[in-house]
Amino acid sequence: MAKNSSNKIILTVIVSIILTILIISLINIGLSIFLVQPDYSKYCEKPRQIPIPEDLDLVGGTCATVSPDSRQECCINKGYENYNEKTGVCTGTNNDFIKCQENYEKARDNFNQIRFYFLALIGFILLIIGLYTKGFYQFTGLASGTILLAQGIATNLQSKILVFVSLLVIIIIFGFLARKIINKI
């Protein structure tokens, strides 16, 4: 009888792990289909490799290949302030690049925040399902819910206050419900 019970527990754990992986994969694929990540090229023409340096007085734009009379105009057209003959690069801040970078970052932050809301909500629902069920549904709900909450937090770390408040609310509600259910057992 004990061997049958241990086999059932092992099978329950294995099925729960498989189901947890499938649920998390399904939710992530579903989110990627219905929630489109912002495309960098829609915000900025230049490739992402161009860093914004700490010292914004020197942003190396190149206009050295145009005629000497056109270099100043070339730099201004690219969003810089002027052409420096000594260094051979455009100087000043590239306002267009900085603006497109800020717009992209804002769109990406909004995307991450929406993704966090979905993952946190689905994760919380799965945690509740895990509390109110038994067997492999319980293991699956608790494991999937925890993983999705952690994934949501990881995607939205730039909004620490939102994550903190959300986690606090989830911990209070989950803790209250878990205590209530455990006391019934």
Foldseek 3Di string as FASTA:
>chain_A
DVVVVVVQQVVLVVVLVVVLVVVLVVVVVVCCVVQPADDLCVLDVDDPVQDCDPPQFARFAAPLPDDPVCQQVVLVVQQARGADPVVRGGGHHRVSVVVSVVVNVVSLLVSLLVLLVVLQVQLLVLCVQLLPDDTSSVSNSPVNSVVSNVVSCVSNVVCVVVNVVSVVVSCVVSVVSNVVSVVVD
